[in-house]
Each structure stands twice: as structure tokens, then as C-alpha cells.
Amino acid sequence: MTIHREGYQTIGISALVFGLLNVASFYFFSNSMPWLALVIFIVTFGLWLFLISFFRIPNRTLTIDGNKIICPADGKVVVIEETVDVEYFKDKRIQVSVFMSPANVHVNRNPMDGEVIYNQYHKGKFLVAWHPKSSTENERWSVAVKNNHGTILYKQIAGALAKRICNYTSVGQQVKQCDEYGFIKFGSRVDILLPIGTKINVQLNEVVKGGVTVLASWN
């Protein structure tokens, strides 16, 4: 397991705060209320470990298959439905949405090889990630990738806790399946918009792993 580069600053600052807070706690409470100093230490240490865990990149055997579309994120499948995409395609698509809780790995990976033909950041709200309107009203970052099988659009969507979306792609870039393309801090969601007729390989409420689980198959 390694730590994502987006976490270095956050973990460093939190370690400094943890140290200063506990030095002050033990200075003021170690004699009069040692139990309080211990509680503060346990709680703050637990929070610091959670932050480290949030930015983890676990060691995995990634799924590489040009005929498959791989899950871009860890989490739970919360939506599988036909929808009309008003942002890019302007027609019907199959939407598959993966909700990421704060406990999930938050690295986002390319579902397939191809060329980035669309890349757009949208300012917006911070509705809870499972809200039906979060796909169109929340802060989000959309990327469309095209290859010889077709074109898919995937969106990194901020949630009530997610306050920063990181995206490392640009138009014209050639991306590789399962390579990292972004990161979302503190809970969020990823929508994948697929052509009608695409075979979906996941089910509602299924727990999936980014870069591992086969989301869909090209016909």
C-alpha cells in the first residue's frame, strides 16, 4: 500500500495539529484529569489514522481487457438506468453510478483505453452524492474518451463532504485502461454514461473495486 500524492499536505498538516494538540492536552490535563488527556489522544490519533487510510492506494491486480469497461472507482453501484445526457451526447445513454463513502479508496481510474475528446469542469452545488440531481447540479468534472469500440463519458461528482475534485486528463491525451486519471477528496460519486445496448456486468447495490471489477462489456 502507498499514500496518494494528494494526501501528503493534508496528512502533514494534520500530524502537526495532532502533535500540538496532544502536547497541550498532556501539559494541562495530565495531572488533574489524565483520563481526558488519554481520550483526546485516542480520538485524535484515530482521526489521523483515518486520514492516512483515506489517501491509501492498495496493491491490486488490475483488470486489463480491451473488450471490457472497468469500474473507475471503489464503492457501491447506486444507479443503473437509461437517461438523456444533456451535457455531451444529447441523446439516451445507460447511466451507471458508483457511490464512494469516506471509507472507500478514492483513486479514480480510466475505464478503457482511448483518446480524451472532452474534458470539462463544472462549478455547482454540494448535494449529497446519492441525490438524483447531483449528476447535473453538483460540482463535477466530466471526461469523454473514444476508441474503436465507442465513446463513454464519466463524471467525478462532488458530494456533501467532497470539496475538491482532482483530474489529470486533457483533451487529446491518450489514456490507458486502469491508469489513474483523478482523485476526489472525502466522499463522492462517479457516473459512467454508456451507449444504449452496452452489456452491464454489475448489479444495483453491488460493491465494486476501481480498476478491478468489470463494469460493462462491448458488444
C-alpha atoms as a PDB file:
ATOM      1  CA  MET A   1       0.000   0.000   0.000  1.00  0.00           C
ATOM      2  CA  THR A   2       1.178   3.532  -0.769  1.00  0.00           C
ATOM      3  CA  ILE A   3      -0.143   7.023   0.019  1.00  0.00           C
ATOM      4  CA  HIS A   4      -1.578   9.179  -2.758  1.00  0.00           C
ATOM      5  CA  ARG A   5       0.280  12.409  -3.501  1.00  0.00           C
ATOM      6  CA  GLU A   6      -2.916  14.396  -2.886  1.00  0.00           C
ATOM      7  CA  GLY A   7      -2.685  13.353   0.750  1.00  0.00           C
ATOM      8  CA  TYR A   8       0.847  14.479   1.589  1.00  0.00           C
ATOM      9  CA  GLN A   9      -0.078  18.031   2.607  1.00  0.00           C
ATOM     10  CA  THR A  10      -3.277  17.053   4.427  1.00  0.00           C
ATOM     11  CA  ILE A  11      -1.564  14.279   6.380  1.00  0.00           C
ATOM     12  CA  GLY A  12       1.389  16.513   7.208  1.00  0.00           C
ATOM     13  CA  ILE A  13      -0.755  19.373   8.493  1.00  0.00           C
ATOM     14  CA  SER A  14      -2.973  17.006  10.472  1.00  0.00           C
ATOM     15  CA  ALA A  15       0.122  15.388  12.041  1.00  0.00           C
ATOM     16  CA  LEU A  16       1.310  18.832  13.163  1.00  0.00           C
ATOM     17  CA  VAL A  17      -2.110  19.666  14.632  1.00  0.00           C
ATOM     18  CA  PHE A  18      -2.244  16.246  16.299  1.00  0.00           C
ATOM     19  CA  GLY A  19       1.147  16.789  17.900  1.00  0.00           C
ATOM     20  CA  LEU A  20       0.459  20.332  19.123  1.00  0.00           C
ATOM     21  CA  LEU A  21      -2.993  19.442  20.442  1.00  0.00           C
ATOM     22  CA  ASN A  22      -1.713  16.472  22.428  1.00  0.00           C
ATOM     23  CA  VAL A  23       1.300  18.312  23.808  1.00  0.00           C
ATOM     24  CA  ALA A  24      -1.089  20.984  25.104  1.00  0.00           C
ATOM     25  CA  SER A  25      -3.529  18.346  26.353  1.00  0.00           C
ATOM     26  CA  PHE A  26      -0.926  16.454  28.372  1.00  0.00           C
ATOM     27  CA  TYR A  27       0.539  19.699  29.694  1.00  0.00           C
ATOM     28  CA  PHE A  28      -2.799  20.954  31.046  1.00  0.00           C
ATOM     29  CA  PHE A  29      -4.607  17.716  31.920  1.00  0.00           C
ATOM     30  CA  SER A  30      -2.016  15.002  32.691  1.00  0.00           C
ATOM     31  CA  ASN A  31      -2.045  15.784  36.423  1.00  0.00           C
ATOM     32  CA  SER A  32      -5.614  16.930  37.059  1.00  0.00           C
ATOM     33  CA  MET A  33      -7.538  14.837  34.503  1.00  0.00           C
ATOM     34  CA  PRO A  34      -5.249  12.217  32.946  1.00  0.00           C
ATOM     35  CA  TRP A  35      -8.259  10.305  31.563  1.00  0.00           C
ATOM     36  CA  LEU A  36      -9.234  13.364  29.467  1.00  0.00           C
ATOM     37  CA  ALA A  37      -5.731  13.648  28.040  1.00  0.00           C
ATOM     38  CA  LEU A  38      -5.866   9.960  27.125  1.00  0.00           C
ATOM     39  CA  VAL A  39      -9.301  10.324  25.472  1.00  0.00           C
ATOM     40  CA  ILE A  40      -8.074  13.290  23.424  1.00  0.00           C
ATOM     41  CA  PHE A  41      -5.019  11.290  22.340  1.00  0.00           C
ATOM     42  CA  ILE A  42      -7.064   8.242  21.306  1.00  0.00           C
ATOM     43  CA  VAL A  43      -9.659  10.290  19.384  1.00  0.00           C
ATOM     44  CA  THR A  44      -7.142  12.486  17.551  1.00  0.00           C
ATOM     45  CA  PHE A  45      -4.869   9.545  16.761  1.00  0.00           C
ATOM     46  CA  GLY A  46      -7.844   7.649  15.358  1.00  0.00           C
ATOM     47  CA  LEU A  47      -8.762  10.614  13.144  1.00  0.00           C
ATOM     48  CA  TRP A  48      -5.181  10.886  11.920  1.00  0.00           C
ATOM     49  CA  LEU A  49      -5.105   7.184  11.040  1.00  0.00           C
ATOM     50  CA  PHE A  50      -8.404   7.646   9.166  1.00  0.00           C
ATOM     51  CA  LEU A  51      -6.855  10.421   7.076  1.00  0.00           C
ATOM     52  CA  ILE A  52      -3.923   8.189   6.200  1.00  0.00           C
ATOM     53  CA  SER A  53      -6.338   5.409   5.271  1.00  0.00           C
ATOM     54  CA  PHE A  54      -8.403   7.768   3.113  1.00  0.00           C
ATOM     55  CA  PHE A  55      -5.432   8.547   0.881  1.00  0.00           C
ATOM     56  CA  ARG A  56      -4.296   4.931   0.553  1.00  0.00           C
ATOM     57  CA  ILE A  57      -3.537   3.246  -2.752  1.00  0.00           C
ATOM     58  CA  PRO A  58      -3.817  -0.518  -2.132  1.00  0.00           C
ATOM     59  CA  ASN A  59      -1.784  -3.037  -4.087  1.00  0.00           C
ATOM     60  CA  ARG A  60      -4.070  -4.701  -6.636  1.00  0.00           C
ATOM     61  CA  THR A  61      -4.012  -6.866  -9.721  1.00  0.00           C
ATOM     62  CA  LEU A  62      -5.757  -4.606 -12.243  1.00  0.00           C
ATOM     63  CA  THR A  63      -8.093  -5.903 -14.961  1.00  0.00           C
ATOM     64  CA  ILE A  64      -6.837  -5.069 -18.458  1.00  0.00           C
ATOM     65  CA  ASP A  65      -9.195  -6.102 -21.283  1.00  0.00           C
ATOM     66  CA  GLY A  66      -9.899  -4.003 -24.372  1.00  0.00           C
ATOM     67  CA  ASN A  67     -13.350  -5.584 -24.764  1.00  0.00           C
ATOM     68  CA  LYS A  68     -14.417  -4.581 -21.258  1.00  0.00           C
ATOM     69  CA  ILE A  69     -15.196  -1.326 -19.469  1.00  0.00           C
ATOM     70  CA  ILE A  70     -13.686  -1.384 -15.975  1.00  0.00           C
ATOM     71  CA  CYS A  71     -15.088   0.335 -12.874  1.00  0.00           C
ATOM     72  CA  PRO A  72     -13.368   3.708 -12.436  1.00  0.00           C
ATOM     73  CA  ALA A  73     -13.930   3.836  -8.670  1.00  0.00           C
ATOM     74  CA  ASP A  74     -14.397   1.814  -5.499  1.00  0.00           C
ATOM     75  CA  GLY A  75     -17.814   1.869  -3.865  1.00  0.00           C
ATOM     76  CA  LYS A  76     -21.383   0.697  -4.310  1.00  0.00           C
ATOM     77  CA  VAL A  77     -23.455   0.733  -7.511  1.00  0.00           C
ATOM     78  CA  VAL A  78     -26.395   3.012  -6.740  1.00  0.00           C
ATOM     79  CA  VAL A  79     -27.850   3.696 -10.214  1.00  0.00           C
ATOM     80  CA  ILE A  80     -28.321   1.616 -13.374  1.00  0.00           C
ATOM     81  CA  GLU A  81     -30.805   3.289 -15.694  1.00  0.00           C
ATOM     82  CA  GLU A  82     -31.418   4.851 -19.084  1.00  0.00           C
ATOM     83  CA  THR A  83     -31.077   8.619 -19.068  1.00  0.00           C
ATOM     84  CA  VAL A  84     -30.848  11.502 -21.511  1.00  0.00           C
ATOM     85  CA  ASP A  85     -27.416  13.094 -21.392  1.00  0.00           C
ATOM     86  CA  VAL A  86     -27.834  16.860 -21.763  1.00  0.00           C
ATOM     87  CA  GLU A  87     -24.155  17.719 -21.388  1.00  0.00           C
ATOM     88  CA  TYR A  88     -22.324  15.987 -24.224  1.00  0.00           C
ATOM     89  CA  PHE A  89     -24.114  13.259 -26.186  1.00  0.00           C
ATOM     90  CA  LYS A  90     -27.544  14.939 -26.264  1.00  0.00           C
ATOM     91  CA  ASP A  91     -29.235  11.554 -26.534  1.00  0.00           C
ATOM     92  CA  LYS A  92     -30.104   8.465 -24.482  1.00  0.00           C
ATOM     93  CA  ARG A  93     -27.375   6.641 -22.598  1.00  0.00           C
ATOM     94  CA  ILE A  94     -27.114   3.980 -19.925  1.00  0.00           C
ATOM     95  CA  GLN A  95     -26.003   5.556 -16.671  1.00  0.00           C
ATOM     96  CA  VAL A  96     -24.155   3.516 -14.057  1.00  0.00           C
ATOM     97  CA  SER A  97     -23.286   5.367 -10.853  1.00  0.00           C
ATOM     98  CA  VAL A  98     -20.836   4.304  -8.145  1.00  0.00           C
ATOM     99  CA  PHE A  99     -21.112   5.943  -4.712  1.00  0.00           C
ATOM    100  CA  MET A 100     -17.863   6.283  -2.748  1.00  0.00           C
ATOM    101  CA  SER A 101     -18.122   6.597   1.027  1.00  0.00           C
ATOM    102  CA  PRO A 102     -15.306   8.278   3.000  1.00  0.00           C
ATOM    103  CA  ALA A 103     -14.055   4.769   3.869  1.00  0.00           C
ATOM    104  CA  ASN A 104     -13.537   3.766   0.228  1.00  0.00           C
ATOM    105  CA  VAL A 105     -10.361   4.114  -1.831  1.00  0.00           C
ATOM    106  CA  HIS A 106     -10.742   7.403  -3.739  1.00  0.00           C
ATOM    107  CA  VAL A 107      -8.350   6.916  -6.639  1.00  0.00           C
ATOM    108  CA  ASN A 108     -10.212   7.148  -9.979  1.00  0.00           C
ATOM    109  CA  ARG A 109      -9.032   5.003 -12.907  1.00  0.00           C
ATOM    110  CA  ASN A 110      -9.680   5.085 -16.655  1.00  0.00           C
ATOM    111  CA  PRO A 111     -12.388   2.572 -17.601  1.00  0.00           C
ATOM    112  CA  MET A 112     -10.820   1.953 -21.040  1.00  0.00           C
ATOM    113  CA  ASP A 113      -8.020   2.876 -23.432  1.00  0.00           C
ATOM    114  CA  GLY A 114      -8.663   5.772 -25.780  1.00  0.00           C
ATOM    115  CA  GLU A 115      -8.335   9.440 -26.611  1.00  0.00           C
ATOM    116  CA  VAL A 116      -9.759  12.164 -24.397  1.00  0.00           C
ATOM    117  CA  ILE A 117     -12.097  14.155 -26.660  1.00  0.00           C
ATOM    118  CA  TYR A 118     -13.903  16.178 -23.989  1.00  0.00           C
ATOM    119  CA  ASN A 119     -12.796  17.500 -20.617  1.00  0.00           C
ATOM    120  CA  GLN A 120     -14.907  19.983 -18.676  1.00  0.00           C
ATOM    121  CA  TYR A 121     -15.058  21.170 -15.080  1.00  0.00           C
ATOM    122  CA  HIS A 122     -18.439  22.449 -13.809  1.00  0.00           C
ATOM    123  CA  LYS A 123     -18.956  24.513 -10.690  1.00  0.00           C
ATOM    124  CA  GLY A 124     -22.044  23.548  -8.743  1.00  0.00           C
ATOM    125  CA  LYS A 125     -23.735  22.580  -5.509  1.00  0.00           C
ATOM    126  CA  PHE A 126     -22.700  20.049  -2.878  1.00  0.00           C
ATOM    127  CA  LEU A 127     -25.846  17.937  -2.589  1.00  0.00           C
ATOM    128  CA  VAL A 128     -25.428  14.506  -1.023  1.00  0.00           C
ATOM    129  CA  ALA A 129     -23.883  12.237  -3.650  1.00  0.00           C
ATOM    130  CA  TRP A 130     -26.902   9.916  -3.879  1.00  0.00           C
ATOM    131  CA  HIS A 131     -29.302  12.782  -4.615  1.00  0.00           C
ATOM    132  CA  PRO A 132     -30.906  12.303  -8.092  1.00  0.00           C
ATOM    133  CA  LYS A 133     -29.915  15.845  -9.139  1.00  0.00           C
ATOM    134  CA  SER A 134     -26.275  15.538  -8.061  1.00  0.00           C
ATOM    135  CA  SER A 135     -25.337  14.344 -11.576  1.00  0.00           C
ATOM    136  CA  THR A 136     -26.397  17.651 -13.137  1.00  0.00           C
ATOM    137  CA  GLU A 137     -26.316  20.223 -10.303  1.00  0.00           C
ATOM    138  CA  ASN A 138     -23.287  19.323  -8.161  1.00  0.00           C
ATOM    139  CA  GLU A 139     -19.717  20.406  -8.751  1.00  0.00           C
ATOM    140  CA  ARG A 140     -18.332  17.858 -11.213  1.00  0.00           C
ATOM    141  CA  TRP A 141     -15.646  17.086 -13.760  1.00  0.00           C
ATOM    142  CA  SER A 142     -16.645  15.310 -16.977  1.00  0.00           C
ATOM    143  CA  VAL A 143     -14.348  13.396 -19.316  1.00  0.00           C
ATOM    144  CA  ALA A 144     -15.267  11.701 -22.613  1.00  0.00           C
ATOM    145  CA  VAL A 145     -12.965   9.052 -24.062  1.00  0.00           C
ATOM    146  CA  LYS A 146     -13.226   7.483 -27.510  1.00  0.00           C
ATOM    147  CA  ASN A 147     -11.710   4.350 -29.022  1.00  0.00           C
ATOM    148  CA  ASN A 148     -12.612   1.918 -31.812  1.00  0.00           C
ATOM    149  CA  HIS A 149     -15.433   0.423 -29.694  1.00  0.00           C
ATOM    150  CA  GLY A 150     -17.188   3.709 -28.999  1.00  0.00           C
ATOM    151  CA  THR A 151     -17.302   6.720 -26.689  1.00  0.00           C
ATOM    152  CA  ILE A 152     -18.105   6.877 -22.988  1.00  0.00           C
ATOM    153  CA  LEU A 153     -18.468   9.823 -20.628  1.00  0.00           C
ATOM    154  CA  TYR A 154     -17.558   9.623 -16.976  1.00  0.00           C
ATOM    155  CA  LYS A 155     -18.127  12.246 -14.316  1.00  0.00           C
ATOM    156  CA  GLN A 156     -16.413  12.828 -10.994  1.00  0.00           C
ATOM    157  CA  ILE A 157     -19.154  14.318  -8.818  1.00  0.00           C
ATOM    158  CA  ALA A 158     -18.626  16.116  -5.521  1.00  0.00           C
ATOM    159  CA  GLY A 159     -20.853  15.236  -2.574  1.00  0.00           C
ATOM    160  CA  ALA A 160     -21.775  16.926   0.696  1.00  0.00           C
ATOM    161  CA  LEU A 161     -18.295  16.218   2.094  1.00  0.00           C
ATOM    162  CA  ALA A 162     -16.243  16.262  -1.103  1.00  0.00           C
ATOM    163  CA  LYS A 163     -14.733  19.710  -1.557  1.00  0.00           C
ATOM    164  CA  ARG A 164     -12.028  19.058  -4.103  1.00  0.00           C
ATOM    165  CA  ILE A 165     -12.032  17.153  -7.391  1.00  0.00           C
ATOM    166  CA  CYS A 166      -8.632  16.413  -8.941  1.00  0.00           C
ATOM    167  CA  ASN A 167      -8.466  15.494 -12.614  1.00  0.00           C
ATOM    168  CA  TYR A 168      -5.257  14.772 -14.505  1.00  0.00           C
ATOM    169  CA  THR A 169      -6.543  14.450 -18.091  1.00  0.00           C
ATOM    170  CA  SER A 170      -6.688  16.878 -21.007  1.00  0.00           C
ATOM    171  CA  VAL A 171      -8.241  16.886 -24.497  1.00  0.00           C
ATOM    172  CA  GLY A 172      -6.098  14.997 -26.998  1.00  0.00           C
ATOM    173  CA  GLN A 173      -4.428  12.858 -24.337  1.00  0.00           C
ATOM    174  CA  GLN A 174      -4.146   9.114 -24.952  1.00  0.00           C
ATOM    175  CA  VAL A 175      -5.149   7.297 -21.779  1.00  0.00           C
ATOM    176  CA  LYS A 176      -4.574   3.705 -20.744  1.00  0.00           C
ATOM    177  CA  GLN A 177      -7.154   1.465 -19.130  1.00  0.00           C
ATOM    178  CA  CYS A 178      -6.867   1.393 -15.321  1.00  0.00           C
ATOM    179  CA  ASP A 179      -4.269   4.181 -15.184  1.00  0.00           C
ATOM    180  CA  GLU A 180      -5.135   6.827 -12.608  1.00  0.00           C
ATOM    181  CA  TYR A 181      -6.978   9.839 -14.006  1.00  0.00           C
ATOM    182  CA  GLY A 182      -8.170  11.618 -10.859  1.00  0.00           C
ATOM    183  CA  PHE A 183      -8.974  11.738  -7.160  1.00  0.00           C
ATOM    184  CA  ILE A 184     -11.894  13.120  -5.134  1.00  0.00           C
ATOM    185  CA  LYS A 185     -11.431  14.175  -1.525  1.00  0.00           C
ATOM    186  CA  PHE A 186     -13.836  12.971   1.175  1.00  0.00           C
ATOM    187  CA  GLY A 187     -16.775  11.068  -0.255  1.00  0.00           C
ATOM    188  CA  SER A 188     -18.375  11.388  -3.658  1.00  0.00           C
ATOM    189  CA  ARG A 189     -19.674   9.608  -6.736  1.00  0.00           C
ATOM    190  CA  VAL A 190     -18.714   8.677 -10.277  1.00  0.00           C
ATOM    191  CA  ASP A 191     -21.246   8.438 -13.124  1.00  0.00           C
ATOM    192  CA  ILE A 192     -20.441   6.455 -16.260  1.00  0.00           C
ATOM    193  CA  LEU A 193     -22.565   7.072 -19.375  1.00  0.00           C
ATOM    194  CA  LEU A 194     -22.502   4.177 -21.841  1.00  0.00           C
ATOM    195  CA  PRO A 195     -24.043   3.614 -25.296  1.00  0.00           C
ATOM    196  CA  ILE A 196     -27.515   2.065 -25.338  1.00  0.00           C
ATOM    197  CA  GLY A 197     -27.181  -1.690 -25.775  1.00  0.00           C
ATOM    198  CA  THR A 198     -23.949  -1.999 -23.816  1.00  0.00           C
ATOM    199  CA  LYS A 199     -23.938  -5.152 -21.678  1.00  0.00           C
ATOM    200  CA  ILE A 200     -23.871  -4.206 -17.992  1.00  0.00           C
ATOM    201  CA  ASN A 201     -21.903  -6.626 -15.809  1.00  0.00           C
ATOM    202  CA  VAL A 202     -22.756  -5.177 -12.387  1.00  0.00           C
ATOM    203  CA  GLN A 203     -25.941  -5.051 -10.353  1.00  0.00           C
ATOM    204  CA  LEU A 204     -27.565  -2.473  -8.089  1.00  0.00           C
ATOM    205  CA  ASN A 205     -26.011  -2.356  -4.613  1.00  0.00           C
ATOM    206  CA  GLU A 206     -23.023  -4.401  -5.747  1.00  0.00           C
ATOM    207  CA  VAL A 207     -19.744  -3.424  -4.094  1.00  0.00           C
ATOM    208  CA  VAL A 208     -17.131  -2.794  -6.779  1.00  0.00           C
ATOM    209  CA  LYS A 209     -13.398  -2.103  -6.945  1.00  0.00           C
ATOM    210  CA  GLY A 210     -11.858   0.533  -9.181  1.00  0.00           C
ATOM    211  CA  GLY A 211      -9.531  -0.932 -11.777  1.00  0.00           C
ATOM    212  CA  VAL A 212     -10.663  -4.475 -10.955  1.00  0.00           C
ATOM    213  CA  THR A 213     -14.422  -5.003 -11.375  1.00  0.00           C
ATOM    214  CA  VAL A 214     -15.771  -5.314 -14.932  1.00  0.00           C
ATOM    215  CA  LEU A 215     -18.493  -2.685 -15.221  1.00  0.00           C
ATOM    216  CA  ALA A 216     -19.692  -3.462 -18.750  1.00  0.00           C
ATOM    217  CA  SER A 217     -18.773  -5.237 -21.977  1.00  0.00           C
ATOM    218  CA  TRP A 218     -18.700  -4.009 -25.550  1.00  0.00           C
ATOM    219  CA  ASN A 219     -20.977  -5.937 -27.903  1.00  0.00           C
END
